[in-house]
Amino acid sequence: MQIRVFGPGCYRCEALAENARLAVAKLEIDATVEEVHDLLQMVALGIITTPTLVVDGRVVMSGEVPSVEELQEIFGRSPVTA
């Protein structure tokens, strides 16, 4: 599973990336968490609000910092982990 957090590197973006890493560790799934700060990549995906969570190329959430538990639920529903 590829998990990408898009944003300028602000506190909220860092918090989302950290929560994603913790959720991946708790679920013990094979996933990478990458932070993307490139504005051109954000524009290409149509991202307007940050932080934005993208899982396997699909925008899942934007403008929020979900808890570790919420992220575990999201990542656990992914077809990659089924």
PDB file of N, CA and C in Angstrom:
ATOM      1  N   MET A   1       0.851  -1.167   0.000  1.00  0.00           N
ATOM      2  CA  MET A   1       0.000   0.000   0.000  1.00  0.00           C
ATOM      3  C   MET A   1       0.895   1.227   0.000  1.00  0.00           C
ATOM      4  N   GLN A   2       0.538   2.187  -0.823  1.00  0.00           N
ATOM      5  CA  GLN A   2       1.287   3.441  -0.860  1.00  0.00           C
ATOM      6  C   GLN A   2       0.409   4.540  -0.260  1.00  0.00           C
ATOM      7  N   ILE A   3       0.904   5.148   0.799  1.00  0.00           N
ATOM      8  CA  ILE A   3       0.192   6.213   1.495  1.00  0.00           C
ATOM      9  C   ILE A   3       1.008   7.481   1.320  1.00  0.00           C
ATOM     10  N   ARG A   4       0.350   8.507   0.795  1.00  0.00           N
ATOM     11  CA  ARG A   4       1.052   9.769   0.568  1.00  0.00           C
ATOM     12  C   ARG A   4       0.294  10.897   1.257  1.00  0.00           C
ATOM     13  N   VAL A   5       1.029  11.747   1.948  1.00  0.00           N
ATOM     14  CA  VAL A   5       0.462  12.915   2.608  1.00  0.00           C
ATOM     15  C   VAL A   5       0.963  14.145   1.857  1.00  0.00           C
ATOM     16  N   PHE A   6       0.035  14.862   1.252  1.00  0.00           N
ATOM     17  CA  PHE A   6       0.376  16.060   0.482  1.00  0.00           C
ATOM     18  C   PHE A   6       0.145  17.308   1.319  1.00  0.00           C
ATOM     19  N   GLY A   7       1.096  18.226   1.266  1.00  0.00           N
ATOM     20  CA  GLY A   7       0.981  19.494   1.966  1.00  0.00           C
ATOM     21  C   GLY A   7       2.307  20.225   1.958  1.00  0.00           C
ATOM     22  N   PRO A   8       2.291  21.467   2.448  1.00  0.00           N
ATOM     23  CA  PRO A   8       3.498  22.293   2.415  1.00  0.00           C
ATOM     24  C   PRO A   8       4.526  21.967   3.495  1.00  0.00           C
ATOM     25  N   GLY A   9       4.190  21.020   4.368  1.00  0.00           N
ATOM     26  CA  GLY A   9       5.125  20.682   5.441  1.00  0.00           C
ATOM     27  C   GLY A   9       4.761  21.355   6.753  1.00  0.00           C
ATOM     28  N   CYS A  10       3.524  21.785   6.860  1.00  0.00           N
ATOM     29  CA  CYS A  10       3.062  22.464   8.072  1.00  0.00           C
ATOM     30  C   CYS A  10       2.847  21.460   9.210  1.00  0.00           C
ATOM     31  N   TYR A  11       2.506  21.980  10.372  1.00  0.00           N
ATOM     32  CA  TYR A  11       2.291  21.138  11.550  1.00  0.00           C
ATOM     33  C   TYR A  11       1.212  20.093  11.290  1.00  0.00           C
ATOM     34  N   ARG A  12       0.107  20.479  10.649  1.00  0.00           N
ATOM     35  CA  ARG A  12      -0.995  19.551  10.385  1.00  0.00           C
ATOM     36  C   ARG A  12      -0.562  18.433   9.433  1.00  0.00           C
ATOM     37  N   CYS A  13       0.239  18.777   8.452  1.00  0.00           N
ATOM     38  CA  CYS A  13       0.743  17.775   7.504  1.00  0.00           C
ATOM     39  C   CYS A  13       1.648  16.774   8.216  1.00  0.00           C
ATOM     40  N   GLU A  14       2.514  17.288   9.059  1.00  0.00           N
ATOM     41  CA  GLU A  14       3.417  16.428   9.830  1.00  0.00           C
ATOM     42  C   GLU A  14       2.621  15.525  10.773  1.00  0.00           C
ATOM     43  N   ALA A  15       1.568  16.070  11.386  1.00  0.00           N
ATOM     44  CA  ALA A  15       0.737  15.288  12.308  1.00  0.00           C
ATOM     45  C   ALA A  15       0.019  14.166  11.558  1.00  0.00           C
ATOM     46  N   LEU A  16      -0.497  14.452  10.368  1.00  0.00           N
ATOM     47  CA  LEU A  16      -1.164  13.420   9.577  1.00  0.00           C
ATOM     48  C   LEU A  16      -0.182  12.322   9.176  1.00  0.00           C
ATOM     49  N   ALA A  17       1.005  12.695   8.745  1.00  0.00           N
ATOM     50  CA  ALA A  17       2.012  11.711   8.357  1.00  0.00           C
ATOM     51  C   ALA A  17       2.396  10.834   9.548  1.00  0.00           C
ATOM     52  N   GLU A  18       2.573  11.426  10.705  1.00  0.00           N
ATOM     53  CA  GLU A  18       2.933  10.660  11.905  1.00  0.00           C
ATOM     54  C   GLU A  18       1.800   9.721  12.305  1.00  0.00           C
ATOM     55  N   ASN A  19       0.555  10.210  12.267  1.00  0.00           N
ATOM     56  CA  ASN A  19      -0.585   9.352  12.590  1.00  0.00           C
ATOM     57  C   ASN A  19      -0.686   8.187  11.598  1.00  0.00           C
ATOM     58  N   ALA A  20      -0.396   8.464  10.338  1.00  0.00           N
ATOM     59  CA  ALA A  20      -0.431   7.409   9.322  1.00  0.00           C
ATOM     60  C   ALA A  20       0.633   6.358   9.616  1.00  0.00           C
ATOM     61  N   ARG A  21       1.816   6.789   9.983  1.00  0.00           N
ATOM     62  CA  ARG A  21       2.887   5.842  10.315  1.00  0.00           C
ATOM     63  C   ARG A  21       2.509   4.979  11.521  1.00  0.00           C
ATOM     64  N   LEU A  22       1.910   5.601  12.523  1.00  0.00           N
ATOM     65  CA  LEU A  22       1.491   4.850  13.709  1.00  0.00           C
ATOM     66  C   LEU A  22       0.394   3.849  13.363  1.00  0.00           C
ATOM     67  N   ALA A  23      -0.544   4.245  12.528  1.00  0.00           N
ATOM     68  CA  ALA A  23      -1.631   3.347  12.120  1.00  0.00           C
ATOM     69  C   ALA A  23      -1.088   2.156  11.345  1.00  0.00           C
ATOM     70  N   VAL A  24      -0.145   2.400  10.448  1.00  0.00           N
ATOM     71  CA  VAL A  24       0.473   1.320   9.675  1.00  0.00           C
ATOM     72  C   VAL A  24       1.191   0.350  10.619  1.00  0.00           C
ATOM     73  N   ALA A  25       1.907   0.894  11.581  1.00  0.00           N
ATOM     74  CA  ALA A  25       2.629   0.043  12.534  1.00  0.00           C
ATOM     75  C   ALA A  25       1.666  -0.796  13.375  1.00  0.00           C
ATOM     76  N   LYS A  26       0.568  -0.190  13.826  1.00  0.00           N
ATOM     77  CA  LYS A  26      -0.394  -0.928  14.642  1.00  0.00           C
ATOM     78  C   LYS A  26      -1.099  -2.016  13.845  1.00  0.00           C
ATOM     79  N   LEU A  27      -1.373  -1.740  12.570  1.00  0.00           N
ATOM     80  CA  LEU A  27      -2.029  -2.740  11.723  1.00  0.00           C
ATOM     81  C   LEU A  27      -1.060  -3.805  11.229  1.00  0.00           C
ATOM     82  N   GLU A  28       0.241  -3.499  11.326  1.00  0.00           N
ATOM     83  CA  GLU A  28       1.295  -4.398  10.845  1.00  0.00           C
ATOM     84  C   GLU A  28       1.071  -4.769   9.378  1.00  0.00           C
ATOM     85  N   ILE A  29       0.829  -3.737   8.560  1.00  0.00           N
ATOM     86  CA  ILE A  29       0.630  -3.954   7.131  1.00  0.00           C
ATOM     87  C   ILE A  29       1.854  -3.491   6.356  1.00  0.00           C
ATOM     88  N   ASP A  30       1.972  -4.000   5.145  1.00  0.00           N
ATOM     89  CA  ASP A  30       3.070  -3.617   4.271  1.00  0.00           C
ATOM     90  C   ASP A  30       2.665  -2.335   3.554  1.00  0.00           C
ATOM     91  N   ALA A  31       3.150  -1.223   4.041  1.00  0.00           N
ATOM     92  CA  ALA A  31       2.782   0.073   3.476  1.00  0.00           C
ATOM     93  C   ALA A  31       3.929   1.052   3.646  1.00  0.00           C
ATOM     94  N   THR A  32       3.997   2.002   2.737  1.00  0.00           N
ATOM     95  CA  THR A  32       4.958   3.087   2.869  1.00  0.00           C
ATOM     96  C   THR A  32       4.188   4.386   3.056  1.00  0.00           C
ATOM     97  N   VAL A  33       4.727   5.249   3.883  1.00  0.00           N
ATOM     98  CA  VAL A  33       4.125   6.563   4.101  1.00  0.00           C
ATOM     99  C   VAL A  33       5.123   7.590   3.600  1.00  0.00           C
ATOM    100  N   GLU A  34       4.679   8.395   2.662  1.00  0.00           N
ATOM    101  CA  GLU A  34       5.544   9.397   2.044  1.00  0.00           C
ATOM    102  C   GLU A  34       4.906  10.774   2.190  1.00  0.00           C
ATOM    103  N   GLU A  35       5.729  11.754   2.528  1.00  0.00           N
ATOM    104  CA  GLU A  35       5.266  13.132   2.572  1.00  0.00           C
ATOM    105  C   GLU A  35       5.654  13.813   1.268  1.00  0.00           C
ATOM    106  N   VAL A  36       4.689  14.485   0.649  1.00  0.00           N
ATOM    107  CA  VAL A  36       4.924  15.146  -0.628  1.00  0.00           C
ATOM    108  C   VAL A  36       4.669  16.634  -0.446  1.00  0.00           C
ATOM    109  N   HIS A  37       5.702  17.428  -0.719  1.00  0.00           N
ATOM    110  CA  HIS A  37       5.609  18.879  -0.563  1.00  0.00           C
ATOM    111  C   HIS A  37       5.645  19.610  -1.906  1.00  0.00           C
ATOM    112  N   ASP A  38       5.644  18.850  -2.994  1.00  0.00           N
ATOM    113  CA  ASP A  38       5.773  19.414  -4.333  1.00  0.00           C
ATOM    114  C   ASP A  38       4.440  19.992  -4.816  1.00  0.00           C
ATOM    115  N   LEU A  39       4.396  21.293  -4.988  1.00  0.00           N
ATOM    116  CA  LEU A  39       3.181  21.986  -5.405  1.00  0.00           C
ATOM    117  C   LEU A  39       2.674  21.499  -6.759  1.00  0.00           C
ATOM    118  N   LEU A  40       3.580  21.200  -7.687  1.00  0.00           N
ATOM    119  CA  LEU A  40       3.170  20.732  -9.008  1.00  0.00           C
ATOM    120  C   LEU A  40       2.444  19.391  -8.932  1.00  0.00           C
ATOM    121  N   GLN A  41       2.892  18.505  -8.049  1.00  0.00           N
ATOM    122  CA  GLN A  41       2.197  17.224  -7.873  1.00  0.00           C
ATOM    123  C   GLN A  41       0.808  17.435  -7.275  1.00  0.00           C
ATOM    124  N   MET A  42       0.707  18.385  -6.356  1.00  0.00           N
ATOM    125  CA  MET A  42      -0.591  18.694  -5.751  1.00  0.00           C
ATOM    126  C   MET A  42      -1.556  19.225  -6.807  1.00  0.00           C
ATOM    127  N   VAL A  43      -1.074  20.135  -7.640  1.00  0.00           N
ATOM    128  CA  VAL A  43      -1.903  20.705  -8.703  1.00  0.00           C
ATOM    129  C   VAL A  43      -2.341  19.607  -9.677  1.00  0.00           C
ATOM    130  N   ALA A  44      -1.438  18.707 -10.012  1.00  0.00           N
ATOM    131  CA  ALA A  44      -1.748  17.625 -10.950  1.00  0.00           C
ATOM    132  C   ALA A  44      -2.869  16.726 -10.426  1.00  0.00           C
ATOM    133  N   LEU A  45      -2.945  16.552  -9.112  1.00  0.00           N
ATOM    134  CA  LEU A  45      -3.996  15.730  -8.513  1.00  0.00           C
ATOM    135  C   LEU A  45      -5.247  16.536  -8.180  1.00  0.00           C
ATOM    136  N   GLY A  46      -5.199  17.853  -8.402  1.00  0.00           N
ATOM    137  CA  GLY A  46      -6.347  18.698  -8.106  1.00  0.00           C
ATOM    138  C   GLY A  46      -6.511  18.980  -6.623  1.00  0.00           C
ATOM    139  N   ILE A  47      -5.439  18.877  -5.875  1.00  0.00           N
ATOM    140  CA  ILE A  47      -5.486  19.117  -4.431  1.00  0.00           C
ATOM    141  C   ILE A  47      -5.527  20.611  -4.162  1.00  0.00           C
ATOM    142  N   ILE A  48      -6.546  21.016  -3.421  1.00  0.00           N
ATOM    143  CA  ILE A  48      -6.716  22.432  -3.089  1.00  0.00           C
ATOM    144  C   ILE A  48      -6.480  22.661  -1.595  1.00  0.00           C
ATOM    145  N   THR A  49      -6.952  21.721  -0.779  1.00  0.00           N
ATOM    146  CA  THR A  49      -6.877  21.835   0.671  1.00  0.00           C
ATOM    147  C   THR A  49      -5.854  20.839   1.208  1.00  0.00           C
ATOM    148  N   THR A  50      -5.050  21.278   2.147  1.00  0.00           N
ATOM    149  CA  THR A  50      -4.086  20.382   2.763  1.00  0.00           C
ATOM    150  C   THR A  50      -4.332  20.318   4.261  1.00  0.00           C
ATOM    151  N   PRO A  51      -3.876  19.278   4.906  1.00  0.00           N
ATOM    152  CA  PRO A  51      -3.204  18.124   4.333  1.00  0.00           C
ATOM    153  C   PRO A  51      -4.194  17.243   3.582  1.00  0.00           C
ATOM    154  N   THR A  52      -3.671  16.513   2.597  1.00  0.00           N
ATOM    155  CA  THR A  52      -4.483  15.580   1.827  1.00  0.00           C
ATOM    156  C   THR A  52      -3.856  14.196   1.930  1.00  0.00           C
ATOM    157  N   LEU A  53      -4.703  13.211   2.190  1.00  0.00           N
ATOM    158  CA  LEU A  53      -4.273  11.826   2.316  1.00  0.00           C
ATOM    159  C   LEU A  53      -4.644  11.082   1.039  1.00  0.00           C
ATOM    160  N   VAL A  54      -3.643  10.476   0.408  1.00  0.00           N
ATOM    161  CA  VAL A  54      -3.841   9.711  -0.819  1.00  0.00           C
ATOM    162  C   VAL A  54      -3.374   8.277  -0.558  1.00  0.00           C
ATOM    163  N   VAL A  55      -4.263   7.318  -0.796  1.00  0.00           N
ATOM    164  CA  VAL A  55      -3.942   5.907  -0.599  1.00  0.00           C
ATOM    165  C   VAL A  55      -4.038   5.201  -1.944  1.00  0.00           C
ATOM    166  N   ASP A  56      -2.938   4.634  -2.361  1.00  0.00           N
ATOM    167  CA  ASP A  56      -2.857   3.924  -3.634  1.00  0.00           C
ATOM    168  C   ASP A  56      -3.419   4.755  -4.790  1.00  0.00           C
ATOM    169  N   GLY A  57      -3.037   6.042  -4.799  1.00  0.00           N
ATOM    170  CA  GLY A  57      -3.405   6.935  -5.893  1.00  0.00           C
ATOM    171  C   GLY A  57      -4.791   7.544  -5.798  1.00  0.00           C
ATOM    172  N   ARG A  58      -5.533   7.238  -4.737  1.00  0.00           N
ATOM    173  CA  ARG A  58      -6.894   7.750  -4.586  1.00  0.00           C
ATOM    174  C   ARG A  58      -6.940   8.728  -3.405  1.00  0.00           C
ATOM    175  N   VAL A  59      -7.480   9.929  -3.652  1.00  0.00           N
ATOM    176  CA  VAL A  59      -7.630  10.903  -2.574  1.00  0.00           C
ATOM    177  C   VAL A  59      -8.692  10.375  -1.615  1.00  0.00           C
ATOM    178  N   VAL A  60      -8.288  10.225  -0.346  1.00  0.00           N
ATOM    179  CA  VAL A  60      -9.171   9.665   0.666  1.00  0.00           C
ATOM    180  C   VAL A  60      -9.740  10.751   1.577  1.00  0.00           C
ATOM    181  N   MET A  61      -8.929  11.746   1.882  1.00  0.00           N
ATOM    182  CA  MET A  61      -9.326  12.760   2.847  1.00  0.00           C
ATOM    183  C   MET A  61      -8.522  14.028   2.602  1.00  0.00           C
ATOM    184  N   SER A  62      -9.177  15.167   2.805  1.00  0.00           N
ATOM    185  CA  SER A  62      -8.483  16.431   2.595  1.00  0.00           C
ATOM    186  C   SER A  62      -8.926  17.451   3.641  1.00  0.00           C
ATOM    187  N   GLY A  63      -7.954  18.198   4.160  1.00  0.00           N
ATOM    188  CA  GLY A  63      -8.252  19.263   5.111  1.00  0.00           C
ATOM    189  C   GLY A  63      -8.457  18.806   6.538  1.00  0.00           C
ATOM    190  N   GLU A  64      -8.182  17.545   6.827  1.00  0.00           N
ATOM    191  CA  GLU A  64      -8.389  17.008   8.168  1.00  0.00           C
ATOM    192  C   GLU A  64      -7.142  16.277   8.653  1.00  0.00           C
ATOM    193  N   VAL A  65      -7.061  16.121   9.965  1.00  0.00           N
ATOM    194  CA  VAL A  65      -6.012  15.288  10.557  1.00  0.00           C
ATOM    195  C   VAL A  65      -6.728  14.216  11.373  1.00  0.00           C
ATOM    196  N   PRO A  66      -7.016  13.075  10.738  1.00  0.00           N
ATOM    197  CA  PRO A  66      -7.711  12.009  11.454  1.00  0.00           C
ATOM    198  C   PRO A  66      -6.825  11.378  12.514  1.00  0.00           C
ATOM    199  N   SER A  67      -7.479  10.783  13.504  1.00  0.00           N
ATOM    200  CA  SER A  67      -6.746  10.098  14.570  1.00  0.00           C
ATOM    201  C   SER A  67      -6.119   8.815  14.032  1.00  0.00           C
ATOM    202  N   VAL A  68      -5.241   8.240  14.820  1.00  0.00           N
ATOM    203  CA  VAL A  68      -4.609   6.970  14.463  1.00  0.00           C
ATOM    204  C   VAL A  68      -5.690   5.905  14.274  1.00  0.00           C
ATOM    205  N   GLU A  69      -6.684   5.898  15.151  1.00  0.00           N
ATOM    206  CA  GLU A  69      -7.756   4.912  15.068  1.00  0.00           C
ATOM    207  C   GLU A  69      -8.567   5.079  13.789  1.00  0.00           C
ATOM    208  N   GLU A  70      -8.866   6.314  13.409  1.00  0.00           N
ATOM    209  CA  GLU A  70      -9.603   6.558  12.160  1.00  0.00           C
ATOM    210  C   GLU A  70      -8.787   6.086  10.957  1.00  0.00           C
ATOM    211  N   LEU A  71      -7.490   6.326  10.997  1.00  0.00           N
ATOM    212  CA  LEU A  71      -6.627   5.898   9.896  1.00  0.00           C
ATOM    213  C   LEU A  71      -6.529   4.373   9.836  1.00  0.00           C
ATOM    214  N   GLN A  72      -6.508   3.712  10.980  1.00  0.00           N
ATOM    215  CA  GLN A  72      -6.488   2.250  10.993  1.00  0.00           C
ATOM    216  C   GLN A  72      -7.740   1.720  10.293  1.00  0.00           C
ATOM    217  N   GLU A  73      -8.862   2.354  10.542  1.00  0.00           N
ATOM    218  CA  GLU A  73     -10.113   1.954   9.903  1.00  0.00           C
ATOM    219  C   GLU A  73     -10.023   2.142   8.383  1.00  0.00           C
ATOM    220  N   ILE A  74      -9.500   3.275   7.960  1.00  0.00           N
ATOM    221  CA  ILE A  74      -9.357   3.556   6.534  1.00  0.00           C
ATOM    222  C   ILE A  74      -8.396   2.564   5.878  1.00  0.00           C
ATOM    223  N   PHE A  75      -7.245   2.371   6.467  1.00  0.00           N
ATOM    224  CA  PHE A  75      -6.239   1.481   5.882  1.00  0.00           C
ATOM    225  C   PHE A  75      -6.691   0.021   5.932  1.00  0.00           C
ATOM    226  N   GLY A  76      -7.439  -0.340   6.952  1.00  0.00           N
ATOM    227  CA  GLY A  76      -7.932  -1.703   7.082  1.00  0.00           C
ATOM    228  C   GLY A  76      -8.983  -2.060   6.042  1.00  0.00           C
ATOM    229  N   ARG A  77      -9.664  -1.038   5.507  1.00  0.00           N
ATOM    230  CA  ARG A  77     -10.690  -1.258   4.479  1.00  0.00           C
ATOM    231  C   ARG A  77     -10.088  -1.333   3.086  1.00  0.00           C
ATOM    232  N   SER A  78      -8.830  -0.988   2.943  1.00  0.00           N
ATOM    233  CA  SER A  78      -8.211  -0.952   1.625  1.00  0.00           C
ATOM    234  C   SER A  78      -8.207  -2.338   1.001  1.00  0.00           C
ATOM    235  N   PRO A  79      -8.521  -2.431  -0.301  1.00  0.00           N
ATOM    236  CA  PRO A  79      -8.508  -3.740  -0.951  1.00  0.00           C
ATOM    237  C   PRO A  79      -7.133  -4.405  -0.932  1.00  0.00           C
ATOM    238  N   VAL A  80      -6.089  -3.623  -0.759  1.00  0.00           N
ATOM    239  CA  VAL A  80      -4.729  -4.169  -0.741  1.00  0.00           C
ATOM    240  C   VAL A  80      -4.526  -5.038   0.485  1.00  0.00           C
ATOM    241  N   THR A  81      -5.171  -4.713   1.613  1.00  0.00           N
ATOM    242  CA  THR A  81      -4.960  -5.461   2.849  1.00  0.00           C
ATOM    243  C   THR A  81      -5.918  -6.646   2.962  1.00  0.00           C
ATOM    244  N   ALA A  82      -6.918  -6.722   2.088  1.00  0.00           N
ATOM    245  CA  ALA A  82      -7.927  -7.796   2.179  1.00  0.00           C
ATOM    246  C   ALA A  82      -7.365  -9.118   1.678  1.00  0.00           C
TER     247      ALA A  82
END
